[in-house]
Amino acid sequence: MRSYIRRNDNLANTVLSVSMADTFIAVLAGIAIFPAVFAFGIDPAAEEGLVFIVLPSIFQQMIGGYFFSILFFILLAVAALTSTISMLEVVVAYFVEELKLTRKRATIISSLLISVLGLFAAGSWGWFDNLTLFGNNVFGLLNSSVNIMLPLGGFFIVVFIGWFMGKKAVEDELSNEGSLKARFTIVFKFLVKFIAPIAIAIVLLNQVGIIRL
């Protein structure tokens, strides 16, 4: 759990600050986008299309909108790149730890493999628009897979921590092996053991269409 966090960092405070910041930014984005969605009569379920349909429509009606649209999409590209680096690290770490590759070689191989897959996704409305599977193009298929794999991965993580990791191991992680005062440990374990699996399972079942929220 602490592969990329220093041993003297407070894991609980880090998790709290990251989750609060992420939620706050997501709420701000929703406040900025969804009023325009309904104003322009666009389907709120358009997913990634909201960014490329709604926001350009807003920028067109703004003073200096051309400048702000360029600035926005540059920042969006930077955000996508930084997120890609963090996700690539998972693959690189697997190659290094399990396949015993050097970090440089693992980075090159994983980058090339993902870039090839990214080309097919980027060409879903161009070169590869006729390449479909289960009624989706490559981009749609990957997007649908992410919507299922993310909650599925989260479900297995909380089940492992809550039911298999062990009480002492969890407390050691939260308290830096007793060097910090771990507050809310009982509440954390209760949430991870009972509430989080149920909540994530509901999200997963909604994604696969078994239930509708």
N, C-alpha and C. Protein backbone atom coordinates (compact mmCIF):
# COMPACT_ATOMS: atom_id res chain seq x y z
N MET A 1 0.81 -1.20 0.00
CA MET A 1 0.00 0.00 0.00
C MET A 1 0.85 1.26 0.00
N ARG A 2 2.09 1.14 0.45
CA ARG A 2 2.94 2.32 0.59
C ARG A 2 4.07 2.33 -0.43
N SER A 3 3.85 1.74 -1.59
CA SER A 3 4.91 1.69 -2.60
C SER A 3 5.39 3.07 -2.99
N TYR A 4 4.48 4.05 -3.03
CA TYR A 4 4.83 5.38 -3.49
C TYR A 4 4.55 6.46 -2.44
N ILE A 5 4.44 6.05 -1.19
CA ILE A 5 4.22 6.99 -0.09
C ILE A 5 5.30 6.76 0.96
N ARG A 6 5.90 7.83 1.44
CA ARG A 6 6.96 7.70 2.43
C ARG A 6 6.40 7.14 3.73
N ARG A 7 7.26 6.43 4.46
CA ARG A 7 6.81 5.77 5.68
C ARG A 7 6.36 6.76 6.74
N ASN A 8 6.90 7.99 6.72
CA ASN A 8 6.52 8.95 7.75
C ASN A 8 5.31 9.79 7.34
N ASP A 9 4.73 9.55 6.18
CA ASP A 9 3.52 10.26 5.77
C ASP A 9 2.30 9.66 6.46
N ASN A 10 1.36 10.54 6.81
CA ASN A 10 0.12 10.08 7.43
C ASN A 10 -0.83 9.63 6.33
N LEU A 11 -1.02 8.32 6.21
CA LEU A 11 -1.82 7.76 5.13
C LEU A 11 -3.27 8.22 5.21
N ALA A 12 -3.81 8.28 6.44
CA ALA A 12 -5.21 8.68 6.60
C ALA A 12 -5.43 10.12 6.14
N ASN A 13 -4.53 11.03 6.53
CA ASN A 13 -4.66 12.43 6.11
C ASN A 13 -4.49 12.57 4.61
N THR A 14 -3.58 11.79 4.03
CA THR A 14 -3.37 11.85 2.58
C THR A 14 -4.61 11.41 1.83
N VAL A 15 -5.21 10.30 2.27
CA VAL A 15 -6.43 9.79 1.63
C VAL A 15 -7.55 10.81 1.75
N LEU A 16 -7.70 11.41 2.95
CA LEU A 16 -8.78 12.37 3.17
C LEU A 16 -8.61 13.60 2.29
N SER A 17 -7.40 14.14 2.22
CA SER A 17 -7.18 15.35 1.43
C SER A 17 -7.37 15.10 -0.06
N VAL A 18 -6.87 13.95 -0.54
CA VAL A 18 -7.01 13.63 -1.97
C VAL A 18 -8.48 13.41 -2.34
N SER A 19 -9.21 12.66 -1.52
CA SER A 19 -10.61 12.39 -1.83
C SER A 19 -11.46 13.65 -1.78
N MET A 20 -11.19 14.52 -0.81
CA MET A 20 -11.95 15.76 -0.71
C MET A 20 -11.65 16.68 -1.88
N ALA A 21 -10.38 16.80 -2.26
CA ALA A 21 -10.01 17.65 -3.39
C ALA A 21 -10.61 17.13 -4.69
N ASP A 22 -10.55 15.81 -4.89
CA ASP A 22 -11.08 15.21 -6.10
C ASP A 22 -12.59 15.42 -6.19
N THR A 23 -13.28 15.22 -5.07
CA THR A 23 -14.74 15.41 -5.05
C THR A 23 -15.10 16.87 -5.30
N PHE A 24 -14.35 17.78 -4.71
CA PHE A 24 -14.61 19.21 -4.86
C PHE A 24 -14.46 19.64 -6.33
N ILE A 25 -13.40 19.18 -6.98
CA ILE A 25 -13.18 19.53 -8.38
C ILE A 25 -14.27 18.92 -9.26
N ALA A 26 -14.68 17.69 -8.96
CA ALA A 26 -15.74 17.04 -9.74
C ALA A 26 -17.06 17.80 -9.62
N VAL A 27 -17.38 18.24 -8.40
CA VAL A 27 -18.61 19.02 -8.19
C VAL A 27 -18.54 20.34 -8.95
N LEU A 28 -17.39 21.02 -8.90
CA LEU A 28 -17.23 22.27 -9.64
C LEU A 28 -17.41 22.05 -11.14
N ALA A 29 -16.84 20.97 -11.65
CA ALA A 29 -16.98 20.67 -13.07
C ALA A 29 -18.45 20.43 -13.44
N GLY A 30 -19.16 19.72 -12.56
CA GLY A 30 -20.58 19.48 -12.81
C GLY A 30 -21.39 20.77 -12.79
N ILE A 31 -21.06 21.66 -11.85
CA ILE A 31 -21.76 22.95 -11.77
C ILE A 31 -21.50 23.78 -13.02
N ALA A 32 -20.29 23.68 -13.57
CA ALA A 32 -19.93 24.45 -14.75
C ALA A 32 -20.56 23.90 -16.02
N ILE A 33 -20.66 22.57 -16.13
CA ILE A 33 -21.05 21.95 -17.38
C ILE A 33 -22.56 21.70 -17.49
N PHE A 34 -23.18 21.15 -16.45
CA PHE A 34 -24.55 20.68 -16.60
C PHE A 34 -25.59 21.78 -16.81
N PRO A 35 -25.45 22.98 -16.24
CA PRO A 35 -26.40 24.04 -16.63
C PRO A 35 -26.37 24.32 -18.13
N ALA A 36 -25.16 24.30 -18.71
CA ALA A 36 -25.04 24.51 -20.16
C ALA A 36 -25.61 23.33 -20.94
N VAL A 37 -25.48 22.12 -20.38
CA VAL A 37 -26.03 20.94 -21.05
C VAL A 37 -27.53 21.10 -21.27
N PHE A 38 -28.23 21.49 -20.22
CA PHE A 38 -29.68 21.64 -20.33
C PHE A 38 -30.05 22.89 -21.13
N ALA A 39 -29.23 23.93 -21.05
CA ALA A 39 -29.51 25.14 -21.82
C ALA A 39 -29.42 24.90 -23.32
N PHE A 40 -28.48 24.04 -23.74
CA PHE A 40 -28.31 23.74 -25.16
C PHE A 40 -29.10 22.51 -25.59
N GLY A 41 -29.84 21.90 -24.67
CA GLY A 41 -30.66 20.74 -25.01
C GLY A 41 -29.86 19.51 -25.37
N ILE A 42 -28.71 19.33 -24.73
CA ILE A 42 -27.83 18.20 -25.02
C ILE A 42 -28.09 17.08 -24.03
N ASP A 43 -27.99 15.86 -24.49
CA ASP A 43 -28.22 14.68 -23.64
C ASP A 43 -27.18 14.62 -22.54
N PRO A 44 -27.58 14.65 -21.25
CA PRO A 44 -26.61 14.59 -20.14
C PRO A 44 -25.81 13.29 -20.12
N ALA A 45 -26.31 12.25 -20.80
CA ALA A 45 -25.61 10.96 -20.83
C ALA A 45 -24.59 10.88 -21.95
N ALA A 46 -24.23 12.01 -22.53
CA ALA A 46 -23.30 12.01 -23.66
C ALA A 46 -21.88 11.67 -23.25
N GLU A 47 -21.61 11.60 -21.94
CA GLU A 47 -20.31 11.22 -21.39
C GLU A 47 -19.19 12.10 -21.94
N GLU A 48 -18.22 11.48 -22.64
CA GLU A 48 -17.07 12.26 -23.10
C GLU A 48 -17.46 13.35 -24.08
N GLY A 49 -18.62 13.20 -24.72
CA GLY A 49 -19.07 14.21 -25.66
C GLY A 49 -19.39 15.54 -25.00
N LEU A 50 -19.68 15.53 -23.70
CA LEU A 50 -19.97 16.77 -23.00
C LEU A 50 -18.81 17.75 -23.09
N VAL A 51 -17.61 17.24 -22.98
CA VAL A 51 -16.43 18.11 -23.02
C VAL A 51 -16.24 18.70 -24.42
N PHE A 52 -16.50 17.89 -25.44
CA PHE A 52 -16.20 18.31 -26.81
C PHE A 52 -17.40 18.91 -27.53
N ILE A 53 -18.56 18.92 -26.89
CA ILE A 53 -19.76 19.51 -27.49
C ILE A 53 -20.22 20.73 -26.70
N VAL A 54 -20.38 20.54 -25.39
CA VAL A 54 -20.93 21.60 -24.55
C VAL A 54 -19.97 22.77 -24.41
N LEU A 55 -18.74 22.47 -23.99
CA LEU A 55 -17.78 23.54 -23.72
C LEU A 55 -17.45 24.37 -24.97
N PRO A 56 -17.23 23.75 -26.15
CA PRO A 56 -17.04 24.60 -27.33
C PRO A 56 -18.22 25.52 -27.61
N SER A 57 -19.45 25.04 -27.33
CA SER A 57 -20.62 25.90 -27.52
C SER A 57 -20.60 27.08 -26.57
N ILE A 58 -20.12 26.83 -25.34
CA ILE A 58 -20.01 27.92 -24.36
C ILE A 58 -18.94 28.91 -24.79
N PHE A 59 -17.80 28.40 -25.21
CA PHE A 59 -16.69 29.28 -25.59
C PHE A 59 -17.06 30.18 -26.78
N GLN A 60 -17.90 29.66 -27.68
CA GLN A 60 -18.29 30.45 -28.84
C GLN A 60 -19.07 31.70 -28.46
N GLN A 61 -19.73 31.66 -27.32
CA GLN A 61 -20.56 32.78 -26.89
C GLN A 61 -19.86 33.68 -25.88
N MET A 62 -18.62 33.38 -25.57
CA MET A 62 -17.86 34.18 -24.62
C MET A 62 -16.99 35.20 -25.33
N ILE A 63 -16.78 36.32 -24.65
CA ILE A 63 -15.78 37.27 -25.13
C ILE A 63 -14.40 36.65 -24.90
N GLY A 64 -13.61 36.59 -25.96
CA GLY A 64 -12.30 35.93 -25.85
C GLY A 64 -12.42 34.43 -25.77
N GLY A 65 -13.55 33.89 -26.23
CA GLY A 65 -13.78 32.46 -26.13
C GLY A 65 -12.77 31.62 -26.88
N TYR A 66 -12.29 32.15 -28.01
CA TYR A 66 -11.29 31.41 -28.80
C TYR A 66 -10.03 31.18 -27.98
N PHE A 67 -9.59 32.24 -27.28
CA PHE A 67 -8.39 32.13 -26.44
C PHE A 67 -8.61 31.15 -25.29
N PHE A 68 -9.77 31.29 -24.62
CA PHE A 68 -10.05 30.42 -23.48
C PHE A 68 -10.24 28.97 -23.90
N SER A 69 -10.79 28.76 -25.10
CA SER A 69 -10.96 27.37 -25.55
C SER A 69 -9.61 26.72 -25.80
N ILE A 70 -8.66 27.47 -26.39
CA ILE A 70 -7.31 26.93 -26.60
C ILE A 70 -6.66 26.62 -25.26
N LEU A 71 -6.78 27.57 -24.32
CA LEU A 71 -6.19 27.37 -23.00
C LEU A 71 -6.80 26.17 -22.29
N PHE A 72 -8.13 26.03 -22.40
CA PHE A 72 -8.81 24.92 -21.72
C PHE A 72 -8.35 23.57 -22.26
N PHE A 73 -8.30 23.44 -23.59
CA PHE A 73 -7.95 22.14 -24.16
C PHE A 73 -6.47 21.83 -23.99
N ILE A 74 -5.63 22.84 -23.88
CA ILE A 74 -4.22 22.59 -23.52
C ILE A 74 -4.14 22.02 -22.11
N LEU A 75 -4.88 22.64 -21.17
CA LEU A 75 -4.89 22.15 -19.80
C LEU A 75 -5.52 20.76 -19.72
N LEU A 76 -6.53 20.51 -20.55
CA LEU A 76 -7.15 19.18 -20.58
C LEU A 76 -6.16 18.14 -21.06
N ALA A 77 -5.35 18.51 -22.07
CA ALA A 77 -4.33 17.59 -22.57
C ALA A 77 -3.28 17.30 -21.49
N VAL A 78 -2.89 18.33 -20.73
CA VAL A 78 -1.92 18.15 -19.64
C VAL A 78 -2.51 17.23 -18.57
N ALA A 79 -3.78 17.47 -18.23
CA ALA A 79 -4.44 16.62 -17.23
C ALA A 79 -4.50 15.17 -17.70
N ALA A 80 -4.81 14.97 -18.98
CA ALA A 80 -4.86 13.61 -19.52
C ALA A 80 -3.49 12.96 -19.50
N LEU A 81 -2.45 13.75 -19.82
CA LEU A 81 -1.09 13.21 -19.85
C LEU A 81 -0.63 12.79 -18.45
N THR A 82 -0.88 13.64 -17.46
CA THR A 82 -0.47 13.30 -16.09
C THR A 82 -1.23 12.08 -15.57
N SER A 83 -2.50 11.98 -15.92
CA SER A 83 -3.28 10.79 -15.52
C SER A 83 -2.75 9.54 -16.20
N THR A 84 -2.36 9.70 -17.47
CA THR A 84 -1.81 8.57 -18.22
C THR A 84 -0.52 8.07 -17.59
N ILE A 85 0.32 9.00 -17.14
CA ILE A 85 1.59 8.61 -16.50
C ILE A 85 1.33 7.79 -15.24
N SER A 86 0.37 8.24 -14.43
CA SER A 86 0.07 7.51 -13.19
C SER A 86 -0.48 6.12 -13.49
N MET A 87 -1.31 6.00 -14.53
CA MET A 87 -1.86 4.69 -14.87
C MET A 87 -0.81 3.80 -15.52
N LEU A 88 0.09 4.41 -16.28
CA LEU A 88 1.17 3.63 -16.89
C LEU A 88 2.08 3.02 -15.84
N GLU A 89 2.21 3.70 -14.70
CA GLU A 89 3.08 3.21 -13.64
C GLU A 89 2.64 1.84 -13.13
N VAL A 90 1.34 1.58 -13.16
CA VAL A 90 0.83 0.28 -12.72
C VAL A 90 1.38 -0.83 -13.61
N VAL A 91 1.35 -0.62 -14.92
CA VAL A 91 1.85 -1.61 -15.87
C VAL A 91 3.37 -1.75 -15.74
N VAL A 92 4.06 -0.61 -15.62
CA VAL A 92 5.52 -0.63 -15.48
C VAL A 92 5.92 -1.39 -14.21
N ALA A 93 5.24 -1.12 -13.11
CA ALA A 93 5.56 -1.81 -11.86
C ALA A 93 5.36 -3.31 -11.98
N TYR A 94 4.31 -3.72 -12.71
CA TYR A 94 4.08 -5.16 -12.90
C TYR A 94 5.22 -5.79 -13.70
N PHE A 95 5.63 -5.14 -14.80
CA PHE A 95 6.71 -5.66 -15.63
C PHE A 95 8.02 -5.76 -14.84
N VAL A 96 8.27 -4.75 -14.00
CA VAL A 96 9.52 -4.73 -13.22
C VAL A 96 9.51 -5.80 -12.14
N GLU A 97 8.39 -5.91 -11.41
CA GLU A 97 8.33 -6.81 -10.26
C GLU A 97 8.09 -8.26 -10.66
N GLU A 98 7.25 -8.48 -11.67
CA GLU A 98 6.88 -9.85 -12.03
C GLU A 98 7.73 -10.42 -13.17
N LEU A 99 8.04 -9.60 -14.17
CA LEU A 99 8.81 -10.07 -15.32
C LEU A 99 10.29 -9.76 -15.21
N LYS A 100 10.66 -9.03 -14.13
CA LYS A 100 12.07 -8.72 -13.83
C LYS A 100 12.74 -7.91 -14.95
N LEU A 101 11.98 -7.05 -15.61
CA LEU A 101 12.56 -6.16 -16.62
C LEU A 101 13.15 -4.92 -15.93
N THR A 102 14.09 -4.29 -16.60
CA THR A 102 14.58 -3.01 -16.08
C THR A 102 13.47 -1.98 -16.22
N ARG A 103 13.53 -0.95 -15.40
CA ARG A 103 12.47 0.05 -15.42
C ARG A 103 12.40 0.76 -16.78
N LYS A 104 13.57 1.02 -17.38
CA LYS A 104 13.60 1.69 -18.69
C LYS A 104 12.94 0.83 -19.75
N ARG A 105 13.30 -0.45 -19.79
CA ARG A 105 12.73 -1.35 -20.79
C ARG A 105 11.24 -1.55 -20.56
N ALA A 106 10.84 -1.68 -19.30
CA ALA A 106 9.42 -1.85 -18.98
C ALA A 106 8.61 -0.63 -19.41
N THR A 107 9.18 0.56 -19.21
CA THR A 107 8.49 1.79 -19.61
C THR A 107 8.34 1.87 -21.12
N ILE A 108 9.38 1.52 -21.86
CA ILE A 108 9.33 1.58 -23.33
C ILE A 108 8.32 0.59 -23.87
N ILE A 109 8.36 -0.65 -23.38
CA ILE A 109 7.45 -1.69 -23.88
C ILE A 109 6.00 -1.34 -23.58
N SER A 110 5.71 -0.97 -22.34
CA SER A 110 4.34 -0.65 -21.97
C SER A 110 3.84 0.59 -22.70
N SER A 111 4.71 1.58 -22.91
CA SER A 111 4.31 2.79 -23.63
C SER A 111 3.96 2.47 -25.08
N LEU A 112 4.75 1.61 -25.72
CA LEU A 112 4.48 1.25 -27.10
C LEU A 112 3.17 0.46 -27.23
N LEU A 113 2.96 -0.49 -26.31
CA LEU A 113 1.74 -1.29 -26.36
C LEU A 113 0.50 -0.43 -26.17
N ILE A 114 0.55 0.46 -25.19
CA ILE A 114 -0.60 1.32 -24.92
C ILE A 114 -0.79 2.34 -26.03
N SER A 115 0.30 2.81 -26.63
CA SER A 115 0.19 3.77 -27.74
C SER A 115 -0.50 3.14 -28.94
N VAL A 116 -0.19 1.88 -29.23
CA VAL A 116 -0.85 1.19 -30.33
C VAL A 116 -2.34 1.08 -30.07
N LEU A 117 -2.69 0.71 -28.84
CA LEU A 117 -4.10 0.62 -28.48
C LEU A 117 -4.76 2.00 -28.54
N GLY A 118 -4.01 3.02 -28.14
CA GLY A 118 -4.54 4.39 -28.20
C GLY A 118 -4.80 4.86 -29.62
N LEU A 119 -3.99 4.42 -30.57
CA LEU A 119 -4.20 4.78 -31.98
C LEU A 119 -5.52 4.21 -32.49
N PHE A 120 -5.82 2.98 -32.12
CA PHE A 120 -7.11 2.39 -32.51
C PHE A 120 -8.27 3.16 -31.88
N ALA A 121 -8.11 3.56 -30.62
CA ALA A 121 -9.17 4.32 -29.95
C ALA A 121 -9.34 5.69 -30.57
N ALA A 122 -8.21 6.36 -30.85
CA ALA A 122 -8.28 7.70 -31.45
C ALA A 122 -8.86 7.67 -32.85
N GLY A 123 -8.69 6.55 -33.56
CA GLY A 123 -9.22 6.44 -34.92
C GLY A 123 -10.60 5.84 -34.99
N SER A 124 -11.30 5.77 -33.86
CA SER A 124 -12.63 5.14 -33.84
C SER A 124 -13.65 5.89 -34.68
N TRP A 125 -13.43 7.18 -34.92
CA TRP A 125 -14.35 7.96 -35.77
C TRP A 125 -13.67 8.34 -37.08
N GLY A 126 -12.60 7.62 -37.41
CA GLY A 126 -11.87 7.90 -38.64
C GLY A 126 -11.44 6.63 -39.32
N TRP A 127 -10.17 6.32 -39.21
CA TRP A 127 -9.60 5.17 -39.89
C TRP A 127 -10.27 3.86 -39.50
N PHE A 128 -10.61 3.73 -38.23
CA PHE A 128 -11.12 2.44 -37.73
C PHE A 128 -12.60 2.52 -37.35
N ASP A 129 -13.36 3.39 -38.04
CA ASP A 129 -14.77 3.55 -37.68
C ASP A 129 -15.60 2.31 -38.00
N ASN A 130 -15.10 1.47 -38.89
CA ASN A 130 -15.83 0.24 -39.22
C ASN A 130 -15.43 -0.94 -38.33
N LEU A 131 -14.45 -0.72 -37.48
CA LEU A 131 -13.99 -1.78 -36.58
C LEU A 131 -14.84 -1.76 -35.31
N THR A 132 -15.77 -2.68 -35.21
CA THR A 132 -16.70 -2.71 -34.08
C THR A 132 -16.72 -4.08 -33.43
N LEU A 133 -17.09 -4.08 -32.16
CA LEU A 133 -17.24 -5.32 -31.39
C LEU A 133 -18.34 -5.10 -30.36
N PHE A 134 -19.33 -6.01 -30.34
CA PHE A 134 -20.48 -5.88 -29.45
C PHE A 134 -21.21 -4.55 -29.67
N GLY A 135 -21.21 -4.09 -30.93
CA GLY A 135 -21.92 -2.86 -31.25
C GLY A 135 -21.18 -1.59 -30.91
N ASN A 136 -19.94 -1.67 -30.46
CA ASN A 136 -19.15 -0.50 -30.09
C ASN A 136 -17.90 -0.42 -30.94
N ASN A 137 -17.45 0.81 -31.21
CA ASN A 137 -16.14 0.97 -31.80
C ASN A 137 -15.09 0.77 -30.71
N VAL A 138 -13.81 0.90 -31.06
CA VAL A 138 -12.76 0.61 -30.08
C VAL A 138 -12.84 1.55 -28.88
N PHE A 139 -13.07 2.84 -29.16
CA PHE A 139 -13.17 3.80 -28.06
C PHE A 139 -14.34 3.46 -27.15
N GLY A 140 -15.50 3.18 -27.74
CA GLY A 140 -16.67 2.84 -26.93
C GLY A 140 -16.48 1.57 -26.13
N LEU A 141 -15.80 0.59 -26.75
CA LEU A 141 -15.54 -0.67 -26.05
C LEU A 141 -14.62 -0.44 -24.85
N LEU A 142 -13.55 0.35 -25.06
CA LEU A 142 -12.64 0.64 -23.95
C LEU A 142 -13.34 1.45 -22.87
N ASN A 143 -14.16 2.40 -23.28
CA ASN A 143 -14.88 3.22 -22.32
C ASN A 143 -15.84 2.38 -21.48
N SER A 144 -16.55 1.47 -22.14
CA SER A 144 -17.46 0.57 -21.42
C SER A 144 -16.70 -0.35 -20.48
N SER A 145 -15.53 -0.81 -20.93
CA SER A 145 -14.72 -1.69 -20.09
C SER A 145 -14.26 -0.97 -18.84
N VAL A 146 -13.85 0.30 -19.00
CA VAL A 146 -13.41 1.08 -17.84
C VAL A 146 -14.54 1.26 -16.85
N ASN A 147 -15.74 1.52 -17.35
CA ASN A 147 -16.89 1.72 -16.47
C ASN A 147 -17.21 0.48 -15.65
N ILE A 148 -16.78 -0.68 -16.14
CA ILE A 148 -17.00 -1.92 -15.39
C ILE A 148 -15.77 -2.28 -14.56
N MET A 149 -14.59 -2.14 -15.13
CA MET A 149 -13.37 -2.58 -14.45
C MET A 149 -13.03 -1.71 -13.24
N LEU A 150 -13.30 -0.41 -13.32
CA LEU A 150 -12.99 0.46 -12.18
C LEU A 150 -13.78 0.07 -10.92
N PRO A 151 -15.13 -0.01 -10.99
CA PRO A 151 -15.84 -0.46 -9.78
C PRO A 151 -15.52 -1.90 -9.39
N LEU A 152 -15.26 -2.76 -10.39
CA LEU A 152 -14.92 -4.15 -10.06
C LEU A 152 -13.59 -4.21 -9.31
N GLY A 153 -12.60 -3.45 -9.78
CA GLY A 153 -11.32 -3.40 -9.07
C GLY A 153 -11.47 -2.82 -7.68
N GLY A 154 -12.25 -1.75 -7.55
CA GLY A 154 -12.49 -1.17 -6.23
C GLY A 154 -13.18 -2.13 -5.28
N PHE A 155 -14.11 -2.92 -5.83
CA PHE A 155 -14.82 -3.91 -5.01
C PHE A 155 -13.86 -4.95 -4.45
N PHE A 156 -12.99 -5.48 -5.28
CA PHE A 156 -12.05 -6.50 -4.81
C PHE A 156 -11.05 -5.91 -3.81
N ILE A 157 -10.68 -4.64 -4.00
CA ILE A 157 -9.74 -4.00 -3.07
C ILE A 157 -10.34 -3.88 -1.67
N VAL A 158 -11.58 -3.36 -1.59
CA VAL A 158 -12.19 -3.19 -0.26
C VAL A 158 -12.50 -4.53 0.39
N VAL A 159 -12.87 -5.52 -0.43
CA VAL A 159 -13.11 -6.86 0.14
C VAL A 159 -11.82 -7.44 0.69
N PHE A 160 -10.72 -7.26 -0.05
CA PHE A 160 -9.43 -7.77 0.42
C PHE A 160 -9.01 -7.08 1.72
N ILE A 161 -9.12 -5.74 1.75
CA ILE A 161 -8.71 -5.00 2.95
C ILE A 161 -9.62 -5.31 4.13
N GLY A 162 -10.92 -5.38 3.87
CA GLY A 162 -11.87 -5.58 4.97
C GLY A 162 -11.93 -6.99 5.49
N TRP A 163 -11.71 -8.00 4.64
CA TRP A 163 -11.96 -9.37 5.05
C TRP A 163 -10.72 -10.27 5.04
N PHE A 164 -9.67 -9.90 4.31
CA PHE A 164 -8.53 -10.82 4.18
C PHE A 164 -7.20 -10.23 4.63
N MET A 165 -7.07 -8.92 4.66
CA MET A 165 -5.78 -8.32 4.96
C MET A 165 -5.36 -8.53 6.40
N GLY A 166 -6.29 -8.54 7.29
CA GLY A 166 -5.95 -8.74 8.70
C GLY A 166 -6.02 -7.43 9.49
N LYS A 167 -6.53 -7.51 10.70
CA LYS A 167 -6.74 -6.32 11.54
C LYS A 167 -5.43 -5.60 11.84
N LYS A 168 -4.41 -6.34 12.22
CA LYS A 168 -3.14 -5.71 12.60
C LYS A 168 -2.47 -5.04 11.41
N ALA A 169 -2.52 -5.68 10.25
CA ALA A 169 -1.89 -5.10 9.06
C ALA A 169 -2.55 -3.78 8.68
N VAL A 170 -3.87 -3.73 8.78
CA VAL A 170 -4.60 -2.50 8.47
C VAL A 170 -4.24 -1.40 9.46
N GLU A 171 -4.22 -1.75 10.76
CA GLU A 171 -3.88 -0.76 11.78
C GLU A 171 -2.45 -0.27 11.63
N ASP A 172 -1.54 -1.15 11.26
CA ASP A 172 -0.15 -0.73 11.05
C ASP A 172 -0.03 0.26 9.90
N GLU A 173 -0.78 0.02 8.83
CA GLU A 173 -0.75 0.93 7.69
C GLU A 173 -1.32 2.30 8.06
N LEU A 174 -2.40 2.30 8.81
CA LEU A 174 -3.05 3.57 9.18
C LEU A 174 -2.24 4.35 10.20
N SER A 175 -1.49 3.66 11.04
CA SER A 175 -0.76 4.33 12.12
C SER A 175 0.74 4.39 11.89
N ASN A 176 1.20 4.05 10.67
CA ASN A 176 2.64 3.97 10.39
C ASN A 176 3.34 3.07 11.41
N GLU A 177 2.75 1.88 11.58
CA GLU A 177 3.27 0.86 12.51
C GLU A 177 3.35 1.39 13.93
N GLY A 178 2.33 2.15 14.32
CA GLY A 178 2.22 2.63 15.69
C GLY A 178 2.88 3.97 15.97
N SER A 179 3.54 4.57 14.98
CA SER A 179 4.23 5.83 15.21
C SER A 179 3.29 7.03 15.16
N LEU A 180 2.09 6.85 14.58
CA LEU A 180 1.09 7.92 14.53
C LEU A 180 -0.18 7.46 15.23
N LYS A 181 -0.94 8.43 15.68
CA LYS A 181 -2.21 8.11 16.31
C LYS A 181 -3.27 7.96 15.23
N ALA A 182 -3.71 6.74 15.03
CA ALA A 182 -4.68 6.45 13.97
C ALA A 182 -6.09 6.71 14.49
N ARG A 183 -6.66 7.80 14.04
CA ARG A 183 -8.02 8.13 14.44
C ARG A 183 -9.02 7.46 13.49
N PHE A 184 -10.20 7.25 13.99
CA PHE A 184 -11.30 6.71 13.19
C PHE A 184 -11.00 5.32 12.64
N THR A 185 -10.11 4.56 13.29
CA THR A 185 -9.78 3.22 12.78
C THR A 185 -11.00 2.31 12.77
N ILE A 186 -11.77 2.36 13.84
CA ILE A 186 -12.96 1.51 13.93
C ILE A 186 -13.96 1.87 12.84
N VAL A 187 -14.17 3.18 12.63
CA VAL A 187 -15.10 3.64 11.60
C VAL A 187 -14.59 3.22 10.22
N PHE A 188 -13.29 3.38 10.00
CA PHE A 188 -12.69 3.00 8.71
C PHE A 188 -12.92 1.52 8.43
N LYS A 189 -12.63 0.68 9.39
CA LYS A 189 -12.78 -0.76 9.18
C LYS A 189 -14.23 -1.15 8.94
N PHE A 190 -15.15 -0.49 9.64
CA PHE A 190 -16.57 -0.78 9.44
C PHE A 190 -17.02 -0.39 8.04
N LEU A 191 -16.59 0.80 7.60
CA LEU A 191 -16.96 1.26 6.27
C LEU A 191 -16.39 0.36 5.18
N VAL A 192 -15.11 0.00 5.32
CA VAL A 192 -14.45 -0.82 4.30
C VAL A 192 -15.00 -2.24 4.30
N LYS A 193 -15.38 -2.73 5.45
CA LYS A 193 -15.83 -4.11 5.55
C LYS A 193 -17.28 -4.31 5.12
N PHE A 194 -18.12 -3.33 5.41
CA PHE A 194 -19.55 -3.53 5.17
C PHE A 194 -20.16 -2.53 4.18
N ILE A 195 -19.91 -1.24 4.39
CA ILE A 195 -20.59 -0.22 3.59
C ILE A 195 -20.01 -0.12 2.18
N ALA A 196 -18.69 -0.01 2.08
CA ALA A 196 -18.04 0.19 0.77
C ALA A 196 -18.33 -0.95 -0.21
N PRO A 197 -18.23 -2.23 0.19
CA PRO A 197 -18.53 -3.29 -0.78
C PRO A 197 -19.95 -3.23 -1.32
N ILE A 198 -20.91 -2.90 -0.44
CA ILE A 198 -22.31 -2.82 -0.89
C ILE A 198 -22.49 -1.66 -1.85
N ALA A 199 -21.92 -0.50 -1.49
CA ALA A 199 -22.06 0.69 -2.34
C ALA A 199 -21.42 0.48 -3.71
N ILE A 200 -20.22 -0.10 -3.72
CA ILE A 200 -19.53 -0.33 -4.99
C ILE A 200 -20.25 -1.40 -5.81
N ALA A 201 -20.79 -2.41 -5.13
CA ALA A 201 -21.54 -3.46 -5.85
C ALA A 201 -22.77 -2.87 -6.53
N ILE A 202 -23.43 -1.92 -5.88
CA ILE A 202 -24.60 -1.27 -6.47
C ILE A 202 -24.18 -0.49 -7.73
N VAL A 203 -23.06 0.22 -7.63
CA VAL A 203 -22.54 0.96 -8.80
C VAL A 203 -22.22 -0.01 -9.94
N LEU A 204 -21.58 -1.12 -9.61
CA LEU A 204 -21.20 -2.11 -10.62
C LEU A 204 -22.43 -2.72 -11.29
N LEU A 205 -23.42 -3.09 -10.49
CA LEU A 205 -24.65 -3.67 -11.04
C LEU A 205 -25.39 -2.67 -11.91
N ASN A 206 -25.30 -1.40 -11.54
CA ASN A 206 -25.91 -0.37 -12.37
C ASN A 206 -25.18 -0.24 -13.71
N GLN A 207 -23.86 -0.36 -13.69
CA GLN A 207 -23.07 -0.24 -14.92
C GLN A 207 -23.37 -1.39 -15.89
N VAL A 208 -23.57 -2.59 -15.36
CA VAL A 208 -23.82 -3.73 -16.25
C VAL A 208 -25.31 -3.86 -16.61
N GLY A 209 -26.14 -2.98 -16.04
CA GLY A 209 -27.55 -2.95 -16.41
C GLY A 209 -28.45 -3.87 -15.64
N ILE A 210 -27.95 -4.50 -14.57
CA ILE A 210 -28.80 -5.40 -13.77
C ILE A 210 -29.80 -4.60 -12.96
N ILE A 211 -29.36 -3.46 -12.41
CA ILE A 211 -30.27 -2.56 -11.71
C ILE A 211 -30.12 -1.17 -12.32
N ARG A 212 -31.11 -0.32 -12.12
CA ARG A 212 -31.08 1.03 -12.63
C ARG A 212 -31.29 2.01 -11.48
N LEU A 213 -30.38 2.95 -11.35
CA LEU A 213 -30.48 3.96 -10.30
C LEU A 213 -31.11 5.23 -10.88
